[in-house]
Protein backbone atom coordinates (compact mmCIF):
# COMPACT_ATOMS: atom_id res chain seq x y z
CA MET A 1 -17.09 -20.21 12.63
CA ILE A 2 -16.18 -17.93 9.71
CA LEU A 3 -12.47 -18.34 10.24
CA ASP A 4 -12.47 -22.16 10.80
CA GLU A 5 -10.96 -22.82 7.36
CA LEU A 6 -8.30 -20.07 7.42
CA ILE A 7 -5.64 -22.79 7.61
CA GLY A 8 -5.94 -25.21 4.87
CA PRO A 9 -4.92 -28.93 4.66
CA SER A 10 -2.63 -28.67 1.53
CA ARG A 11 0.40 -27.29 3.20
CA PRO A 12 1.28 -27.16 6.91
CA LEU A 13 2.08 -23.86 8.72
CA THR A 14 5.70 -25.00 8.81
CA TRP A 15 5.83 -24.33 5.12
CA VAL A 16 5.04 -20.61 5.75
CA LEU A 17 7.35 -20.50 8.87
CA ARG A 18 10.42 -21.44 6.91
CA PHE A 19 10.25 -17.84 5.46
CA TRP A 20 10.81 -16.12 8.81
CA PRO A 21 14.41 -15.02 7.63
CA VAL A 22 12.67 -12.83 5.06
CA PHE A 23 10.90 -10.67 7.85
CA VAL A 24 14.13 -10.66 10.22
CA SER A 25 16.63 -9.55 7.45
CA ALA A 26 14.16 -6.94 5.99
CA PHE A 27 13.66 -5.45 9.43
CA ILE A 28 17.37 -5.38 10.45
CA VAL A 29 18.47 -4.02 7.00
CA ALA A 30 15.65 -1.36 6.87
CA PHE A 31 16.36 -0.14 10.50
CA SER A 32 20.20 0.13 9.80
CA ALA A 33 19.63 1.68 6.44
CA THR A 34 17.17 4.27 7.74
CA TRP A 35 19.63 5.24 10.55
CA LEU A 36 22.44 5.72 7.87
CA CYS A 37 19.97 7.52 5.54
CA LYS A 38 19.11 10.03 8.28
CA LYS A 39 22.71 10.89 8.71
CA ILE A 40 23.33 11.25 5.05
CA ALA A 41 20.27 13.49 4.57
CA ILE A 42 21.28 15.72 7.39
CA LYS A 43 24.89 15.87 6.12
CA PHE A 44 24.04 16.96 2.55
CA GLY A 45 20.81 18.99 3.43
CA ILE A 46 18.34 16.64 1.91
CA VAL A 47 15.48 17.73 4.19
CA ASP A 48 11.78 18.55 4.06
CA LYS A 49 11.37 22.37 4.98
CA PRO A 50 8.04 23.57 6.59
CA ASP A 51 5.84 26.03 4.78
CA ASN A 52 3.23 26.66 7.38
CA LEU A 53 0.50 25.49 4.91
CA VAL A 54 0.68 21.92 3.72
CA LYS A 55 3.95 21.04 5.60
CA THR A 56 3.33 22.13 9.07
CA HIS A 57 6.27 20.57 11.08
CA LYS A 58 8.36 23.04 13.06
CA GLU A 59 11.88 22.42 11.62
CA PRO A 60 13.44 20.75 8.61
CA ILE A 61 13.20 16.97 8.62
CA ALA A 62 15.54 14.37 6.89
CA TYR A 63 14.37 12.79 3.84
CA LEU A 64 15.51 9.44 2.28
CA GLY A 65 13.46 7.10 4.63
CA GLY A 66 12.09 5.43 1.45
CA ILE A 67 15.69 4.32 0.63
CA GLY A 68 15.89 2.60 3.92
CA ILE A 69 12.64 0.70 3.35
CA LEU A 70 13.80 -0.16 -0.23
CA ALA A 71 17.04 -1.59 1.08
CA GLY A 72 15.02 -3.89 3.62
CA LEU A 73 12.56 -4.95 0.96
CA ILE A 74 15.39 -6.00 -1.57
CA VAL A 75 17.46 -7.91 0.90
CA GLY A 76 14.19 -9.54 2.41
CA CYS A 77 13.10 -10.63 -1.16
CA PHE A 78 16.39 -12.06 -2.00
CA VAL A 79 16.57 -14.06 1.10
CA GLY A 80 13.04 -15.34 0.21
CA VAL A 81 14.50 -16.42 -3.12
CA ASN A 82 17.17 -18.39 -1.31
CA CYS A 83 14.36 -20.17 0.59
CA LEU A 84 13.00 -21.32 -2.81
CA LEU A 85 16.15 -22.85 -4.30
CA GLY A 86 15.55 -26.19 -5.59
CA GLN A 87 11.85 -25.93 -5.93
CA GLU A 88 10.04 -26.36 -9.40
CA CYS A 89 8.50 -22.79 -8.92
CA PHE A 90 11.98 -21.21 -8.42
CA HIS A 91 12.49 -19.81 -11.91
CA ILE A 92 9.03 -18.15 -12.55
CA SER A 93 9.04 -16.89 -8.74
CA PHE A 94 12.54 -15.42 -9.17
CA LYS A 95 11.45 -13.66 -12.39
CA TRP A 96 8.40 -12.21 -10.61
CA LEU A 97 10.20 -11.02 -7.66
CA CYS A 98 13.00 -9.37 -9.87
CA GLY A 99 10.33 -7.73 -11.88
CA ILE A 100 8.66 -6.46 -8.62
CA LEU A 101 11.86 -5.21 -7.14
CA ALA A 102 12.81 -3.43 -10.33
CA GLY A 103 9.54 -1.66 -10.36
CA ALA A 104 9.76 -0.82 -6.70
CA THR A 105 13.31 0.61 -7.36
CA ILE A 106 12.01 2.83 -10.24
CA ALA A 107 9.08 4.03 -8.06
CA CYS A 108 11.45 4.90 -5.18
CA VAL A 109 14.00 6.67 -7.50
CA VAL A 110 11.13 8.75 -9.24
CA GLY A 111 9.82 9.71 -5.76
CA LEU A 112 13.25 10.66 -4.56
CA VAL A 113 13.94 12.92 -7.61
CA ASP A 114 10.62 14.54 -6.80
CA ASP A 115 11.58 14.91 -3.20
CA ILE A 116 14.83 16.75 -4.14
CA PHE A 117 13.94 18.52 -7.46
CA GLU A 118 10.07 18.51 -7.56
CA ILE A 119 9.28 17.09 -10.83
CA LYS A 120 6.09 17.72 -12.60
CA PRO A 121 3.06 15.42 -11.88
CA LYS A 122 3.05 14.04 -15.47
CA GLN A 123 6.61 12.93 -14.99
CA LYS A 124 5.65 11.14 -11.79
CA ILE A 125 2.72 9.42 -13.44
CA LEU A 126 4.92 8.25 -16.40
CA GLY A 127 7.35 6.69 -13.93
CA GLN A 128 4.39 4.88 -12.25
CA ILE A 129 3.14 3.62 -15.70
CA VAL A 130 6.71 2.27 -16.40
CA THR A 131 6.52 0.25 -13.11
CA ALA A 132 3.23 -1.09 -14.01
CA VAL A 133 4.59 -2.09 -17.43
CA LEU A 134 7.34 -3.95 -15.67
CA LEU A 135 4.68 -6.13 -13.88
CA ILE A 136 3.07 -6.95 -17.15
CA VAL A 137 6.46 -7.90 -18.82
CA VAL A 138 7.29 -10.44 -16.24
CA GLY A 139 3.71 -11.97 -16.46
CA ILE A 140 2.08 -10.49 -13.31
CA GLY A 141 -1.44 -9.47 -13.85
CA PRO A 142 -5.14 -10.50 -13.12
CA ASN A 143 -6.64 -13.70 -14.42
CA ILE A 144 -9.70 -12.09 -15.96
CA ASN A 145 -11.44 -15.02 -17.46
CA TYR A 146 -10.88 -17.11 -14.36
CA MET A 147 -12.77 -14.66 -12.27
CA THR A 148 -15.37 -13.78 -14.84
CA GLY A 149 -16.13 -17.55 -15.01
CA TYR A 150 -17.59 -17.23 -11.58
CA PHE A 151 -20.09 -14.81 -13.05
CA GLY A 152 -20.81 -17.15 -16.10
CA PHE A 153 -19.16 -15.31 -18.90
CA THR A 154 -15.74 -15.12 -20.64
CA ILE A 155 -13.97 -12.25 -22.46
CA PRO A 156 -12.31 -12.64 -25.94
CA GLY A 157 -8.48 -13.12 -25.91
CA GLY A 158 -7.63 -9.82 -27.44
CA ILE A 159 -9.86 -7.78 -25.08
CA GLU A 160 -8.83 -9.81 -22.11
CA ILE A 161 -5.07 -8.82 -22.78
CA VAL A 162 -5.89 -5.16 -23.04
CA LEU A 163 -8.22 -5.26 -20.00
CA GLU A 164 -5.63 -7.05 -17.79
CA ALA A 165 -3.12 -4.32 -18.81
CA PHE A 166 -5.43 -1.58 -18.02
CA ILE A 167 -6.21 -3.10 -14.57
CA VAL A 168 -2.54 -3.37 -13.66
CA VAL A 169 -1.82 0.21 -14.60
CA PHE A 170 -5.06 1.46 -12.82
CA PHE A 171 -4.11 -0.37 -9.56
CA VAL A 172 -0.62 0.88 -9.64
CA LEU A 173 -1.63 4.53 -10.25
CA GLY A 174 -4.42 4.32 -7.88
CA ALA A 175 -2.47 2.73 -4.89
CA THR A 176 0.64 4.62 -5.54
CA ASN A 177 -1.06 8.08 -5.38
CA SER A 178 -3.39 6.97 -2.54
CA LEU A 179 -0.55 6.20 -0.17
CA ASN A 180 1.23 9.37 -1.28
CA LEU A 181 -1.72 11.33 -0.16
CA LEU A 182 -1.89 9.41 3.21
CA ASP A 183 1.70 10.41 4.07
CA GLY A 184 0.79 13.57 5.88
CA LEU A 185 1.48 12.79 9.59
CA ASP A 186 4.37 11.25 11.61
CA GLY A 187 4.03 7.42 11.48
CA LEU A 188 0.60 7.46 9.56
CA CYS A 189 1.47 6.08 6.18
CA GLY A 190 4.04 3.60 7.33
CA GLY A 191 1.80 2.40 10.21
CA VAL A 192 -1.25 2.04 7.95
CA THR A 193 0.77 0.10 5.21
CA ALA A 194 2.08 -2.27 7.95
CA ILE A 195 -1.54 -3.02 9.08
CA ILE A 196 -2.50 -3.42 5.53
CA THR A 197 0.36 -5.67 4.66
CA ILE A 198 -0.14 -7.90 7.71
CA ALA A 199 -3.79 -8.39 6.72
CA MET A 200 -2.46 -9.32 3.17
CA LEU A 201 -0.02 -11.69 4.92
CA ILE A 202 -2.85 -13.49 6.67
CA VAL A 203 -4.75 -13.85 3.42
CA SER A 204 -1.62 -15.04 1.67
CA ILE A 205 -1.03 -17.75 4.40
CA HIS A 206 -4.79 -18.91 3.94
CA LEU A 207 -4.21 -19.26 0.14
CA ALA A 208 -0.71 -20.88 0.60
CA THR A 209 -2.04 -23.48 3.11
CA TRP A 210 -4.79 -24.43 0.83
CA GLY A 211 -2.17 -24.79 -2.14
CA PHE A 212 -3.97 -22.58 -4.59
CA SER A 213 -0.73 -21.53 -6.55
CA ASP A 214 2.74 -23.08 -6.78
CA VAL A 215 4.18 -19.68 -7.88
CA GLY A 216 1.69 -17.09 -6.45
CA ASP A 217 1.75 -18.35 -3.01
CA PRO A 218 5.39 -18.13 -2.15
CA VAL A 219 5.70 -14.82 -3.99
CA ARG A 220 2.77 -13.33 -1.96
CA ILE A 221 4.38 -14.69 1.40
CA ILE A 222 7.93 -13.25 0.50
CA LEU A 223 6.62 -9.87 -0.63
CA CYS A 224 4.46 -9.44 2.49
CA LEU A 225 7.05 -10.45 4.86
CA ALA A 226 9.75 -8.28 3.19
CA LEU A 227 7.44 -5.32 2.99
CA VAL A 228 6.15 -5.45 6.62
CA GLY A 229 9.77 -5.97 7.77
CA GLY A 230 11.02 -3.06 5.85
CA VAL A 231 8.25 -0.69 6.95
CA LEU A 232 8.63 -1.73 10.66
CA GLY A 233 12.40 -1.21 10.42
CA PHE A 234 11.69 2.48 9.27
CA LEU A 235 8.78 3.27 11.73
CA PRO A 236 10.85 3.81 14.90
CA PHE A 237 12.54 6.83 13.18
CA ASN A 238 9.21 8.01 11.83
CA ARG A 239 6.97 8.05 14.95
CA TYR A 240 6.07 11.46 16.47
CA PRO A 241 8.12 13.41 16.67
CA ALA A 242 9.62 12.10 13.31
CA LYS A 243 13.51 12.04 12.88
CA ILE A 244 13.21 11.15 9.16
CA PHE A 245 10.47 11.20 6.47
CA MET A 246 9.84 8.55 3.73
CA GLY A 247 9.09 11.29 1.30
CA ASP A 248 7.57 10.54 -2.15
CA ALA A 249 10.29 7.95 -2.43
CA GLY A 250 8.74 6.00 0.28
CA SER A 251 4.93 6.44 -0.31
CA MET A 252 5.53 5.72 -4.05
CA LEU A 253 7.40 2.55 -3.16
CA LEU A 254 4.79 1.43 -0.64
CA GLY A 255 2.06 2.19 -3.15
CA PHE A 256 3.53 0.25 -5.98
CA VAL A 257 4.16 -2.80 -3.78
CA THR A 258 0.74 -2.85 -2.25
CA ALA A 259 -0.67 -2.53 -5.52
CA THR A 260 1.29 -5.61 -6.86
CA LEU A 261 0.00 -7.54 -3.71
CA MET A 262 -3.62 -6.66 -4.82
CA ILE A 263 -2.96 -7.66 -8.43
CA LEU A 264 -1.34 -11.04 -7.11
CA MET A 265 -4.65 -11.61 -5.29
CA ALA A 266 -6.45 -11.45 -8.58
CA GLU A 267 -5.15 -14.73 -9.61
CA GLN A 268 -8.20 -17.01 -9.21
CA ILE A 269 -11.26 -16.41 -7.11
CA PRO A 270 -12.70 -12.97 -7.25
CA ARG A 271 -13.27 -12.53 -3.47
CA TRP A 272 -9.50 -12.59 -2.90
CA LEU A 273 -9.20 -9.33 -4.96
CA MET A 274 -12.33 -7.82 -3.31
CA ALA A 275 -10.87 -8.59 0.00
CA SER A 276 -7.56 -7.00 -0.77
CA ILE A 277 -9.37 -3.84 -1.90
CA VAL A 278 -11.26 -3.59 1.39
CA VAL A 279 -7.94 -4.31 3.27
CA PHE A 280 -6.70 -1.20 1.38
CA GLY A 281 -9.84 0.78 2.38
CA LEU A 282 -8.44 3.61 4.34
CA PRO A 283 -6.23 4.99 1.62
CA ILE A 284 -9.06 4.56 -0.86
CA LEU A 285 -11.47 6.43 1.39
CA ASP A 286 -9.06 9.23 1.96
CA THR A 287 -8.27 9.57 -1.66
CA ALA A 288 -12.00 9.51 -2.61
CA VAL A 289 -12.90 11.99 0.05
CA ALA A 290 -10.12 14.46 -1.01
CA LEU A 291 -11.18 14.28 -4.78
CA VAL A 292 -14.97 14.58 -4.06
CA ARG A 293 -14.52 17.38 -1.63
CA ARG A 294 -12.31 19.40 -3.99
CA PHE A 295 -14.99 18.75 -6.83
CA LEU A 296 -17.84 19.77 -4.81
CA ASN A 297 -16.10 22.94 -3.46
CA HIS A 298 -14.72 23.99 -7.06
CA ARG A 299 -11.14 23.51 -6.08
CA PRO A 300 -8.36 22.06 -8.24
CA LEU A 301 -8.54 18.16 -7.96
CA PHE A 302 -4.79 17.59 -7.95
CA VAL A 303 -3.40 20.60 -5.90
CA SER A 304 -2.31 19.74 -2.25
CA ASP A 305 -4.25 21.16 0.58
CA ARG A 306 -4.82 20.34 4.29
CA GLY A 307 -8.23 18.94 4.08
CA HIS A 308 -7.55 15.21 4.21
CA ILE A 309 -9.39 13.19 6.83
CA TYR A 310 -6.60 13.21 9.24
CA ASP A 311 -5.96 16.96 8.74
CA GLN A 312 -9.65 17.67 9.53
CA MET A 313 -9.36 15.48 12.69
CA ILE A 314 -6.44 17.71 13.90
CA ASP A 315 -8.35 20.91 12.83
CA ARG A 316 -11.26 19.65 15.10
CA GLY A 317 -8.92 19.55 18.09
CA ILE A 318 -7.87 15.85 18.18
CA PRO A 319 -4.08 15.67 19.03
CA LEU A 320 -1.78 14.27 16.41
CA LYS A 321 -0.84 11.10 18.23
CA LYS A 322 -4.60 10.25 18.79
CA THR A 323 -5.43 11.10 15.08
CA VAL A 324 -2.79 8.48 14.08
CA ARG A 325 -4.08 6.01 16.51
CA ILE A 326 -7.68 6.51 15.16
CA CYS A 327 -6.39 6.01 11.65
CA TYR A 328 -4.72 2.84 12.69
CA ILE A 329 -7.93 1.58 14.26
CA LEU A 330 -9.76 2.30 11.07
CA ALA A 331 -7.16 0.61 8.85
CA GLY A 332 -7.45 -2.38 11.31
CA LEU A 333 -11.18 -2.54 10.93
CA TYR A 334 -10.97 -2.46 7.05
CA ALA A 335 -8.20 -5.08 7.35
CA LEU A 336 -10.31 -7.35 9.51
CA THR A 337 -13.36 -7.02 7.27
CA GLY A 338 -11.26 -7.98 4.31
CA ILE A 339 -9.83 -11.12 6.04
CA ILE A 340 -13.35 -12.13 6.79
CA MET A 341 -14.37 -11.57 3.18
CA SER A 342 -11.78 -13.87 2.07
CA GLN A 343 -13.42 -16.63 4.01
CA ILE A 344 -16.99 -16.32 2.74
CA ARG A 345 -18.52 -16.94 -0.59
CA THR A 346 -17.82 -14.73 -3.51
CA ARG A 347 -21.39 -13.35 -3.83
CA TYR A 348 -21.49 -12.48 -0.16
CA ALA A 349 -18.16 -10.89 -0.29
CA ALA A 350 -19.35 -8.77 -3.09
CA VAL A 351 -22.22 -7.49 -1.01
CA VAL A 352 -20.07 -6.87 1.94
CA CYS A 353 -17.49 -4.98 -0.22
CA VAL A 354 -20.42 -2.60 -1.49
CA LEU A 355 -21.86 -2.10 1.90
CA VAL A 356 -18.54 -1.22 3.49
CA PHE A 357 -17.86 1.57 1.06
CA LEU A 358 -21.37 2.86 1.17
CA LEU A 359 -21.22 2.84 4.90
CA SER A 360 -17.87 4.71 4.80
CA ALA A 361 -19.29 7.27 2.43
CA PHE A 362 -22.33 7.84 4.62
CA ILE A 363 -20.21 8.40 7.77
CA VAL A 364 -17.89 10.84 5.95
CA TRP A 365 -20.90 12.84 4.67
CA ARG A 366 -22.65 12.87 8.14
CA LYS A 367 -19.43 14.00 9.93
CA GLY A 368 -18.83 16.85 7.42
CA PHE A 369 -15.64 15.75 5.98
CA LEU A 370 -16.75 16.81 2.47
CA LYS A 371 -16.85 20.58 3.63
CA MET A 372 -14.01 23.00 2.78
CA HIS A 373 -13.26 26.24 4.47
CA GLY A 374 -10.12 28.45 4.67
CA LEU A 375 -6.81 28.58 2.85
CA ARG A 376 -5.82 25.16 4.17
CA GLY A 377 -9.05 23.57 2.90
CA ALA A 378 -10.03 22.00 6.16
CA ILE A 379 -12.73 22.87 8.58
CA GLN A 380 -11.45 25.44 10.98
CA LYS A 381 -11.56 24.75 14.69
CA GLU A 382 -14.36 26.50 16.35
CA ASN A 383 -13.83 28.58 19.39
């Protein structure tokens, strides 16, 4: 069976299970902080107002949900650090996690400023680049030559450093903006992120039990548990009908952390990175469809509209709750495919990765999701 070697012989599952307080603490803190943030947002009028075009909710909804997720993430990660006390990997793991939390905090703050004051896109991108630079500074980046060695060539040192930095910035910008675009329905972005993170956690457990990295293994486990705990603590308040939104503060935070997880998967064998990219497949697909659709229909590439995949489902008569469930199922299929890819040879994983996105593109084209009609930019429901 493909998954027979999911659990390796180098570390027992008890090594992973000792990190359970990370998830519990992140969930409790995020749940409590989100409840408090909802009260604060309503008291001070920090709300998202409907505009009947892109924002179609019926009444103002509290912002600041991203702050609740961040609180859970921070507490969960520091609980995880406490689990590493006395181990040889402690100092590097601590430095990595501090760098990640610093970047996550900046991403959240930049998003929060945009939620309240609506800053320019260039300013948001600059903030995202700063978060990527923080990862590079603390030593988090892809191991290019280790991975290219699987394909029989290496890259000169100077070019390798530049390429690694470019990849980190590319992943942070791509994932951050993809999840930002996916945050369009109650419970959608948070639920999809939880599914993605659980899949990343399963792959991380696989790597940890095979003992691939003294530093990377615990950092991946801690980050996954803290993130999924934080998101699940937020989701009860964000399910339809939502009582609070994560806003750009939350979506930029989630995008940065999931980008970091993908970069952490680029430590050794290439199929780990390819698997993580497929796990993140739904946000990638939605972003790609939005950009291609706007380009083909001669619309501005970076102007918001109501033509995302989930918007078009609703415009075709699918109820909101069912649309969110369908997106969860799609995210789960990508996640399962990614997990399977992590268990097969790299050359086969590369083929699967290409086929997955080609098949996705074909379905999108056949179902007409690249068409664009009306002011909202989505296919209008036929009478």
